């Protein structure tokens, strides 16, 4: 899953145009909002769109588990991994 975390970090940097930040500067457990990376609600929307496009996910902003997954890179990676595994299982059935 470390490759997935690196991909997500790169996606954060690219999707949000964080030119002064490198993917390796983002900690796996570093908070993405508030006192952590300092992202805001607009960033969350842009990141959600980028995740949907890159990983072909369906994310419902009203879903509490999806909102909780935006806490840090680790939780986003868990969400992406679980959703990709679920959709691959569904496609193979």
PDB file of N, CA and C in Angstrom:
ATOM      1  N   UNK A   1       0.831  -1.198   0.000  1.00  0.00           N
ATOM      2  CA  UNK A   1       0.000   0.000   0.000  1.00  0.00           C
ATOM      3  C   UNK A   1       0.871   1.256   0.000  1.00  0.00           C
ATOM      4  N   UNK A   2       2.162   1.110   0.223  1.00  0.00           N
ATOM      5  CA  UNK A   2       3.023   2.293   0.236  1.00  0.00           C
ATOM      6  C   UNK A   2       3.056   2.987  -1.128  1.00  0.00           C
ATOM      7  N   UNK A   3       2.947   2.213  -2.208  1.00  0.00           N
ATOM      8  CA  UNK A   3       2.892   2.809  -3.549  1.00  0.00           C
ATOM      9  C   UNK A   3       1.607   3.624  -3.706  1.00  0.00           C
ATOM     10  N   UNK A   4       0.506   3.108  -3.181  1.00  0.00           N
ATOM     11  CA  UNK A   4      -0.765   3.826  -3.236  1.00  0.00           C
ATOM     12  C   UNK A   4      -0.671   5.136  -2.438  1.00  0.00           C
ATOM     13  N   UNK A   5      -0.039   5.101  -1.289  1.00  0.00           N
ATOM     14  CA  UNK A   5       0.112   6.317  -0.483  1.00  0.00           C
ATOM     15  C   UNK A   5       0.935   7.359  -1.227  1.00  0.00           C
ATOM     16  N   UNK A   6       1.991   6.920  -1.884  1.00  0.00           N
ATOM     17  CA  UNK A   6       2.810   7.847  -2.660  1.00  0.00           C
ATOM     18  C   UNK A   6       2.008   8.445  -3.813  1.00  0.00           C
ATOM     19  N   UNK A   7       1.192   7.619  -4.471  1.00  0.00           N
ATOM     20  CA  UNK A   7       0.334   8.112  -5.554  1.00  0.00           C
ATOM     21  C   UNK A   7      -0.648   9.159  -5.030  1.00  0.00           C
ATOM     22  N   UNK A   8      -1.221   8.906  -3.867  1.00  0.00           N
ATOM     23  CA  UNK A   8      -2.181   9.848  -3.283  1.00  0.00           C
ATOM     24  C   UNK A   8      -1.487  11.153  -2.918  1.00  0.00           C
ATOM     25  N   UNK A   9      -0.300  11.069  -2.369  1.00  0.00           N
ATOM     26  CA  UNK A   9       0.459  12.282  -2.038  1.00  0.00           C
ATOM     27  C   UNK A   9       0.749  13.085  -3.302  1.00  0.00           C
ATOM     28  N   UNK A  10       1.146  12.395  -4.367  1.00  0.00           N
ATOM     29  CA  UNK A  10       1.414  13.080  -5.635  1.00  0.00           C
ATOM     30  C   UNK A  10       0.137  13.704  -6.177  1.00  0.00           C
ATOM     31  N   UNK A  11      -0.969  12.995  -6.034  1.00  0.00           N
ATOM     32  CA  UNK A  11      -2.265  13.519  -6.480  1.00  0.00           C
ATOM     33  C   UNK A  11      -2.638  14.778  -5.702  1.00  0.00           C
ATOM     34  N   UNK A  12      -2.382  14.791  -4.400  1.00  0.00           N
ATOM     35  CA  UNK A  12      -2.667  15.976  -3.575  1.00  0.00           C
ATOM     36  C   UNK A  12      -1.861  17.166  -4.089  1.00  0.00           C
ATOM     37  N   UNK A  13      -0.571  16.948  -4.301  1.00  0.00           N
ATOM     38  CA  UNK A  13       0.306  18.027  -4.767  1.00  0.00           C
ATOM     39  C   UNK A  13      -0.137  18.525  -6.135  1.00  0.00           C
ATOM     40  N   UNK A  14      -0.413  17.599  -7.053  1.00  0.00           N
ATOM     41  CA  UNK A  14      -0.768  17.980  -8.422  1.00  0.00           C
ATOM     42  C   UNK A  14      -2.160  18.599  -8.519  1.00  0.00           C
ATOM     43  N   UNK A  15      -3.142  17.949  -7.915  1.00  0.00           N
ATOM     44  CA  UNK A  15      -4.532  18.411  -8.035  1.00  0.00           C
ATOM     45  C   UNK A  15      -4.746  19.770  -7.372  1.00  0.00           C
ATOM     46  N   UNK A  16      -3.984  20.026  -6.309  1.00  0.00           N
ATOM     47  CA  UNK A  16      -4.176  21.269  -5.572  1.00  0.00           C
ATOM     48  C   UNK A  16      -3.104  22.309  -5.883  1.00  0.00           C
ATOM     49  N   UNK A  17      -2.268  22.006  -6.866  1.00  0.00           N
ATOM     50  CA  UNK A  17      -1.202  22.923  -7.289  1.00  0.00           C
ATOM     51  C   UNK A  17      -0.359  23.419  -6.113  1.00  0.00           C
ATOM     52  N   UNK A  18       0.081  22.492  -5.287  1.00  0.00           N
ATOM     53  CA  UNK A  18       0.902  22.829  -4.131  1.00  0.00           C
ATOM     54  C   UNK A  18       2.363  22.853  -4.558  1.00  0.00           C
ATOM     55  N   UNK A  19       2.744  23.910  -5.247  1.00  0.00           N
ATOM     56  CA  UNK A  19       4.053  24.010  -5.875  1.00  0.00           C
ATOM     57  C   UNK A  19       5.207  24.010  -4.877  1.00  0.00           C
ATOM     58  N   UNK A  20       4.976  24.462  -3.663  1.00  0.00           N
ATOM     59  CA  UNK A  20       6.047  24.535  -2.672  1.00  0.00           C
ATOM     60  C   UNK A  20       6.155  23.269  -1.819  1.00  0.00           C
ATOM     61  N   UNK A  21       5.436  22.212  -2.212  1.00  0.00           N
ATOM     62  CA  UNK A  21       5.388  20.982  -1.440  1.00  0.00           C
ATOM     63  C   UNK A  21       5.696  19.793  -2.345  1.00  0.00           C
ATOM     64  N   UNK A  22       6.472  18.853  -1.825  1.00  0.00           N
ATOM     65  CA  UNK A  22       6.755  17.622  -2.549  1.00  0.00           C
ATOM     66  C   UNK A  22       5.979  16.491  -1.881  1.00  0.00           C
ATOM     67  N   UNK A  23       5.641  15.444  -2.620  1.00  0.00           N
ATOM     68  CA  UNK A  23       4.887  14.333  -2.024  1.00  0.00           C
ATOM     69  C   UNK A  23       5.556  13.780  -0.764  1.00  0.00           C
ATOM     70  N   UNK A  24       6.878  13.677  -0.774  1.00  0.00           N
ATOM     71  CA  UNK A  24       7.581  13.120   0.386  1.00  0.00           C
ATOM     72  C   UNK A  24       7.553  14.050   1.604  1.00  0.00           C
ATOM     73  N   UNK A  25       7.108  15.291   1.416  1.00  0.00           N
ATOM     74  CA  UNK A  25       6.965  16.225   2.530  1.00  0.00           C
ATOM     75  C   UNK A  25       5.677  15.983   3.325  1.00  0.00           C
ATOM     76  N   UNK A  26       4.774  15.209   2.771  1.00  0.00           N
ATOM     77  CA  UNK A  26       3.483  14.943   3.412  1.00  0.00           C
ATOM     78  C   UNK A  26       3.590  13.638   4.204  1.00  0.00           C
ATOM     79  N   UNK A  27       3.344  13.717   5.494  1.00  0.00           N
ATOM     80  CA  UNK A  27       3.388  12.525   6.338  1.00  0.00           C
ATOM     81  C   UNK A  27       2.149  11.668   6.148  1.00  0.00           C
ATOM     82  N   UNK A  28       2.310  10.369   6.286  1.00  0.00           N
ATOM     83  CA  UNK A  28       1.182   9.449   6.115  1.00  0.00           C
ATOM     84  C   UNK A  28       0.048   9.739   7.089  1.00  0.00           C
ATOM     85  N   UNK A  29       0.393  10.135   8.305  1.00  0.00           N
ATOM     86  CA  UNK A  29      -0.615  10.421   9.336  1.00  0.00           C
ATOM     87  C   UNK A  29      -0.832  11.910   9.562  1.00  0.00           C
ATOM     88  N   UNK A  30      -0.197  12.742   8.758  1.00  0.00           N
ATOM     89  CA  UNK A  30      -0.350  14.188   8.904  1.00  0.00           C
ATOM     90  C   UNK A  30      -1.777  14.597   8.537  1.00  0.00           C
ATOM     91  N   UNK A  31      -2.397  15.380   9.403  1.00  0.00           N
ATOM     92  CA  UNK A  31      -3.747  15.870   9.119  1.00  0.00           C
ATOM     93  C   UNK A  31      -3.722  16.684   7.826  1.00  0.00           C
ATOM     94  N   UNK A  32      -4.721  16.480   6.993  1.00  0.00           N
ATOM     95  CA  UNK A  32      -4.778  17.216   5.735  1.00  0.00           C
ATOM     96  C   UNK A  32      -5.398  18.596   5.908  1.00  0.00           C
ATOM     97  N   UNK A  33      -6.197  18.768   6.947  1.00  0.00           N
ATOM     98  CA  UNK A  33      -6.914  20.021   7.160  1.00  0.00           C
ATOM     99  C   UNK A  33      -6.457  20.691   8.456  1.00  0.00           C
ATOM    100  N   UNK A  34      -6.931  21.886   8.661  1.00  0.00           N
ATOM    101  CA  UNK A  34      -6.664  22.668   9.876  1.00  0.00           C
ATOM    102  C   UNK A  34      -5.166  22.809  10.133  1.00  0.00           C
ATOM    103  N   UNK A  35      -4.705  22.371  11.301  1.00  0.00           N
ATOM    104  CA  UNK A  35      -3.310  22.582  11.696  1.00  0.00           C
ATOM    105  C   UNK A  35      -2.327  21.670  10.976  1.00  0.00           C
ATOM    106  N   UNK A  36      -2.815  20.722  10.206  1.00  0.00           N
ATOM    107  CA  UNK A  36      -1.928  19.830   9.472  1.00  0.00           C
ATOM    108  C   UNK A  36      -1.432  20.500   8.201  1.00  0.00           C
ATOM    109  N   UNK A  37      -1.844  19.976   7.079  1.00  0.00           N
ATOM    110  CA  UNK A  37      -1.440  20.510   5.781  1.00  0.00           C
ATOM    111  C   UNK A  37      -2.135  21.841   5.482  1.00  0.00           C
ATOM    112  N   UNK A  38      -3.251  22.081   6.146  1.00  0.00           N
ATOM    113  CA  UNK A  38      -3.937  23.356   6.001  1.00  0.00           C
ATOM    114  C   UNK A  38      -4.911  23.431   4.843  1.00  0.00           C
ATOM    115  N   UNK A  39      -5.368  22.288   4.358  1.00  0.00           N
ATOM    116  CA  UNK A  39      -6.344  22.308   3.269  1.00  0.00           C
ATOM    117  C   UNK A  39      -7.675  22.838   3.773  1.00  0.00           C
ATOM    118  N   UNK A  40      -8.509  23.311   2.839  1.00  0.00           N
ATOM    119  CA  UNK A  40      -9.834  23.818   3.197  1.00  0.00           C
ATOM    120  C   UNK A  40     -10.909  23.044   2.442  1.00  0.00           C
ATOM    121  N   UNK A  41     -12.147  23.465   2.567  1.00  0.00           N
ATOM    122  CA  UNK A  41     -13.268  22.728   1.972  1.00  0.00           C
ATOM    123  C   UNK A  41     -13.204  22.718   0.443  1.00  0.00           C
ATOM    124  N   UNK A  42     -12.722  23.781  -0.164  1.00  0.00           N
ATOM    125  CA  UNK A  42     -12.572  23.816  -1.627  1.00  0.00           C
ATOM    126  C   UNK A  42     -11.522  22.788  -2.049  1.00  0.00           C
ATOM    127  N   UNK A  43     -10.427  22.707  -1.282  1.00  0.00           N
ATOM    128  CA  UNK A  43      -9.398  21.704  -1.561  1.00  0.00           C
ATOM    129  C   UNK A  43      -9.980  20.298  -1.452  1.00  0.00           C
ATOM    130  N   UNK A  44     -10.843  20.081  -0.472  1.00  0.00           N
ATOM    131  CA  UNK A  44     -11.464  18.765  -0.289  1.00  0.00           C
ATOM    132  C   UNK A  44     -12.288  18.391  -1.521  1.00  0.00           C
ATOM    133  N   UNK A  45     -13.029  19.362  -2.044  1.00  0.00           N
ATOM    134  CA  UNK A  45     -13.824  19.097  -3.248  1.00  0.00           C
ATOM    135  C   UNK A  45     -12.926  18.760  -4.440  1.00  0.00           C
ATOM    136  N   UNK A  46     -11.871  19.533  -4.626  1.00  0.00           N
ATOM    137  CA  UNK A  46     -10.946  19.292  -5.737  1.00  0.00           C
ATOM    138  C   UNK A  46     -10.247  17.945  -5.586  1.00  0.00           C
ATOM    139  N   UNK A  47      -9.865  17.614  -4.374  1.00  0.00           N
ATOM    140  CA  UNK A  47      -9.217  16.332  -4.125  1.00  0.00           C
ATOM    141  C   UNK A  47     -10.190  15.183  -4.359  1.00  0.00           C
ATOM    142  N   UNK A  48     -11.427  15.360  -3.945  1.00  0.00           N
ATOM    143  CA  UNK A  48     -12.446  14.338  -4.190  1.00  0.00           C
ATOM    144  C   UNK A  48     -12.648  14.085  -5.677  1.00  0.00           C
ATOM    145  N   UNK A  49     -12.696  15.146  -6.465  1.00  0.00           N
ATOM    146  CA  UNK A  49     -12.840  15.010  -7.921  1.00  0.00           C
ATOM    147  C   UNK A  49     -11.632  14.277  -8.505  1.00  0.00           C
ATOM    148  N   UNK A  50     -10.440  14.639  -8.052  1.00  0.00           N
ATOM    149  CA  UNK A  50      -9.220  14.003  -8.546  1.00  0.00           C
ATOM    150  C   UNK A  50      -9.194  12.513  -8.196  1.00  0.00           C
ATOM    151  N   UNK A  51      -9.610  12.169  -6.978  1.00  0.00           N
ATOM    152  CA  UNK A  51      -9.660  10.757  -6.579  1.00  0.00           C
ATOM    153  C   UNK A  51     -10.679   9.992  -7.401  1.00  0.00           C
ATOM    154  N   UNK A  52     -11.828  10.602  -7.660  1.00  0.00           N
ATOM    155  CA  UNK A  52     -12.855   9.952  -8.490  1.00  0.00           C
ATOM    156  C   UNK A  52     -12.324   9.647  -9.884  1.00  0.00           C
ATOM    157  N   UNK A  53     -11.647  10.628 -10.465  1.00  0.00           N
ATOM    158  CA  UNK A  53     -11.127  10.462 -11.821  1.00  0.00           C
ATOM    159  C   UNK A  53     -10.006   9.428 -11.892  1.00  0.00           C
ATOM    160  N   UNK A  54      -9.049   9.533 -10.990  1.00  0.00           N
ATOM    161  CA  UNK A  54      -7.876   8.654 -11.040  1.00  0.00           C
ATOM    162  C   UNK A  54      -8.218   7.208 -10.716  1.00  0.00           C
ATOM    163  N   UNK A  55      -9.054   7.002  -9.704  1.00  0.00           N
ATOM    164  CA  UNK A  55      -9.332   5.648  -9.233  1.00  0.00           C
ATOM    165  C   UNK A  55     -10.737   5.157  -9.575  1.00  0.00           C
ATOM    166  N   UNK A  56     -11.488   5.954 -10.349  1.00  0.00           N
ATOM    167  CA  UNK A  56     -12.843   5.592 -10.775  1.00  0.00           C
ATOM    168  C   UNK A  56     -13.722   5.211  -9.586  1.00  0.00           C
ATOM    169  N   UNK A  57     -13.675   6.052  -8.557  1.00  0.00           N
ATOM    170  CA  UNK A  57     -14.435   5.804  -7.340  1.00  0.00           C
ATOM    171  C   UNK A  57     -15.746   6.563  -7.347  1.00  0.00           C
ATOM    172  N   UNK A  58     -16.688   6.038  -6.621  1.00  0.00           N
ATOM    173  CA  UNK A  58     -17.922   6.772  -6.344  1.00  0.00           C
ATOM    174  C   UNK A  58     -17.833   7.211  -4.897  1.00  0.00           C
ATOM    175  N   UNK A  59     -17.772   8.510  -4.690  1.00  0.00           N
ATOM    176  CA  UNK A  59     -17.655   9.070  -3.348  1.00  0.00           C
ATOM    177  C   UNK A  59     -18.845   9.969  -3.074  1.00  0.00           C
ATOM    178  N   UNK A  60     -19.543   9.694  -1.998  1.00  0.00           N
ATOM    179  CA  UNK A  60     -20.690  10.497  -1.590  1.00  0.00           C
ATOM    180  C   UNK A  60     -20.264  11.392  -0.441  1.00  0.00           C
ATOM    181  N   UNK A  61     -20.247  12.701  -0.673  1.00  0.00           N
ATOM    182  CA  UNK A  61     -19.806  13.651   0.353  1.00  0.00           C
ATOM    183  C   UNK A  61     -20.679  13.586   1.603  1.00  0.00           C
ATOM    184  N   UNK A  62     -21.895  13.085   1.474  1.00  0.00           N
ATOM    185  CA  UNK A  62     -22.780  12.960   2.622  1.00  0.00           C
ATOM    186  C   UNK A  62     -22.490  11.731   3.468  1.00  0.00           C
ATOM    187  N   UNK A  63     -21.640  10.848   2.987  1.00  0.00           N
ATOM    188  CA  UNK A  63     -21.284   9.616   3.684  1.00  0.00           C
ATOM    189  C   UNK A  63     -20.228   9.940   4.748  1.00  0.00           C
ATOM    190  N   UNK A  64     -20.549   9.691   6.001  1.00  0.00           N
ATOM    191  CA  UNK A  64     -19.631  10.018   7.103  1.00  0.00           C
ATOM    192  C   UNK A  64     -18.312   9.275   6.979  1.00  0.00           C
ATOM    193  N   UNK A  65     -18.327   8.054   6.463  1.00  0.00           N
ATOM    194  CA  UNK A  65     -17.074   7.298   6.334  1.00  0.00           C
ATOM    195  C   UNK A  65     -16.171   7.912   5.265  1.00  0.00           C
ATOM    196  N   UNK A  66     -16.759   8.476   4.231  1.00  0.00           N
ATOM    197  CA  UNK A  66     -15.965   9.155   3.197  1.00  0.00           C
ATOM    198  C   UNK A  66     -15.366  10.431   3.779  1.00  0.00           C
ATOM    199  N   UNK A  67     -16.159  11.200   4.487  1.00  0.00           N
ATOM    200  CA  UNK A  67     -15.642  12.429   5.114  1.00  0.00           C
ATOM    201  C   UNK A  67     -14.508  12.101   6.081  1.00  0.00           C
ATOM    202  N   UNK A  68     -14.665  11.037   6.857  1.00  0.00           N
ATOM    203  CA  UNK A  68     -13.628  10.647   7.815  1.00  0.00           C
ATOM    204  C   UNK A  68     -12.356  10.203   7.105  1.00  0.00           C
ATOM    205  N   UNK A  69     -12.482   9.645   5.917  1.00  0.00           N
ATOM    206  CA  UNK A  69     -11.317   9.167   5.169  1.00  0.00           C
ATOM    207  C   UNK A  69     -10.420  10.302   4.700  1.00  0.00           C
ATOM    208  N   UNK A  70     -10.930  11.505   4.658  1.00  0.00           N
ATOM    209  CA  UNK A  70     -10.133  12.651   4.218  1.00  0.00           C
ATOM    210  C   UNK A  70      -9.279  13.221   5.356  1.00  0.00           C
ATOM    211  N   UNK A  71      -9.134  12.478   6.442  1.00  0.00           N
ATOM    212  CA  UNK A  71      -8.339  12.924   7.592  1.00  0.00           C
ATOM    213  C   UNK A  71      -6.854  12.995   7.267  1.00  0.00           C
ATOM    214  N   UNK A  72      -6.316  11.955   6.614  1.00  0.00           N
ATOM    215  CA  UNK A  72      -4.889  11.897   6.306  1.00  0.00           C
ATOM    216  C   UNK A  72      -4.656  10.955   5.125  1.00  0.00           C
ATOM    217  N   UNK A  73      -3.423  10.854   4.687  1.00  0.00           N
ATOM    218  CA  UNK A  73      -3.086   9.990   3.555  1.00  0.00           C
ATOM    219  C   UNK A  73      -3.394   8.530   3.882  1.00  0.00           C
ATOM    220  N   UNK A  74      -3.086   8.095   5.103  1.00  0.00           N
ATOM    221  CA  UNK A  74      -3.364   6.705   5.486  1.00  0.00           C
ATOM    222  C   UNK A  74      -4.839   6.358   5.325  1.00  0.00           C
ATOM    223  N   UNK A  75      -5.716   7.230   5.800  1.00  0.00           N
ATOM    224  CA  UNK A  75      -7.151   6.936   5.725  1.00  0.00           C
ATOM    225  C   UNK A  75      -7.656   7.030   4.296  1.00  0.00           C
ATOM    226  N   UNK A  76      -7.092   7.940   3.499  1.00  0.00           N
ATOM    227  CA  UNK A  76      -7.468   7.998   2.077  1.00  0.00           C
ATOM    228  C   UNK A  76      -7.022   6.733   1.353  1.00  0.00           C
ATOM    229  N   UNK A  77      -5.821   6.259   1.661  1.00  0.00           N
ATOM    230  CA  UNK A  77      -5.320   5.038   1.028  1.00  0.00           C
ATOM    231  C   UNK A  77      -6.198   3.841   1.388  1.00  0.00           C
ATOM    232  N   UNK A  78      -6.634   3.776   2.635  1.00  0.00           N
ATOM    233  CA  UNK A  78      -7.524   2.690   3.055  1.00  0.00           C
ATOM    234  C   UNK A  78      -8.835   2.749   2.290  1.00  0.00           C
ATOM    235  N   UNK A  79      -9.381   3.940   2.128  1.00  0.00           N
ATOM    236  CA  UNK A  79     -10.633   4.106   1.390  1.00  0.00           C
ATOM    237  C   UNK A  79     -10.467   3.687  -0.067  1.00  0.00           C
ATOM    238  N   UNK A  80      -9.423   4.184  -0.707  1.00  0.00           N
ATOM    239  CA  UNK A  80      -9.191   3.856  -2.117  1.00  0.00           C
ATOM    240  C   UNK A  80      -8.982   2.357  -2.273  1.00  0.00           C
ATOM    241  N   UNK A  81      -8.172   1.764  -1.413  1.00  0.00           N
ATOM    242  CA  UNK A  81      -7.909   0.327  -1.483  1.00  0.00           C
ATOM    243  C   UNK A  81      -9.204  -0.470  -1.327  1.00  0.00           C
ATOM    244  N   UNK A  82     -10.006  -0.108  -0.336  1.00  0.00           N
ATOM    245  CA  UNK A  82     -11.261  -0.825  -0.086  1.00  0.00           C
ATOM    246  C   UNK A  82     -12.239  -0.653  -1.235  1.00  0.00           C
ATOM    247  N   UNK A  83     -12.373   0.562  -1.743  1.00  0.00           N
ATOM    248  CA  UNK A  83     -13.331   0.815  -2.821  1.00  0.00           C
ATOM    249  C   UNK A  83     -12.893   0.148  -4.122  1.00  0.00           C
ATOM    250  N   UNK A  84     -11.581   0.161  -4.399  1.00  0.00           N
ATOM    251  CA  UNK A  84     -11.090  -0.494  -5.610  1.00  0.00           C
ATOM    252  C   UNK A  84     -11.280  -1.994  -5.504  1.00  0.00           C
ATOM    253  N   UNK A  85     -11.007  -2.558  -4.336  1.00  0.00           N
ATOM    254  CA  UNK A  85     -11.178  -3.993  -4.129  1.00  0.00           C
ATOM    255  C   UNK A  85     -12.639  -4.371  -4.264  1.00  0.00           C
ATOM    256  N   UNK A  86     -13.535  -3.566  -3.692  1.00  0.00           N
ATOM    257  CA  UNK A  86     -14.979  -3.825  -3.796  1.00  0.00           C
ATOM    258  C   UNK A  86     -15.442  -3.788  -5.243  1.00  0.00           C
ATOM    259  N   UNK A  87     -15.003  -2.789  -6.014  1.00  0.00           N
ATOM    260  CA  UNK A  87     -15.459  -2.678  -7.394  1.00  0.00           C
ATOM    261  C   UNK A  87     -14.841  -3.774  -8.260  1.00  0.00           C
ATOM    262  N   UNK A  88     -13.620  -4.198  -7.960  1.00  0.00           N
ATOM    263  CA  UNK A  88     -13.022  -5.302  -8.708  1.00  0.00           C
ATOM    264  C   UNK A  88     -13.759  -6.598  -8.418  1.00  0.00           C
ATOM    265  N   UNK A  89     -14.151  -6.784  -7.148  1.00  0.00           N
ATOM    266  CA  UNK A  89     -14.921  -7.986  -6.791  1.00  0.00           C
ATOM    267  C   UNK A  89     -16.263  -7.988  -7.506  1.00  0.00           C
ATOM    268  N   UNK A  90     -16.924  -6.839  -7.529  1.00  0.00           N
ATOM    269  CA  UNK A  90     -18.226  -6.734  -8.184  1.00  0.00           C
ATOM    270  C   UNK A  90     -18.105  -6.992  -9.684  1.00  0.00           C
ATOM    271  N   UNK A  91     -17.051  -6.482 -10.295  1.00  0.00           N
ATOM    272  CA  UNK A  91     -16.848  -6.672 -11.741  1.00  0.00           C
ATOM    273  C   UNK A  91     -16.569  -8.131 -12.083  1.00  0.00           C
ATOM    274  N   UNK A  92     -15.981  -8.860 -11.158  1.00  0.00           N
ATOM    275  CA  UNK A  92     -15.635 -10.266 -11.424  1.00  0.00           C
ATOM    276  C   UNK A  92     -16.766 -11.229 -11.109  1.00  0.00           C
ATOM    277  N   UNK A  93     -17.843 -10.726 -10.508  1.00  0.00           N
ATOM    278  CA  UNK A  93     -18.970 -11.607 -10.153  1.00  0.00           C
ATOM    279  C   UNK A  93     -19.936 -11.792 -11.287  1.00  0.00           C
TER     280      UNK A  93
END
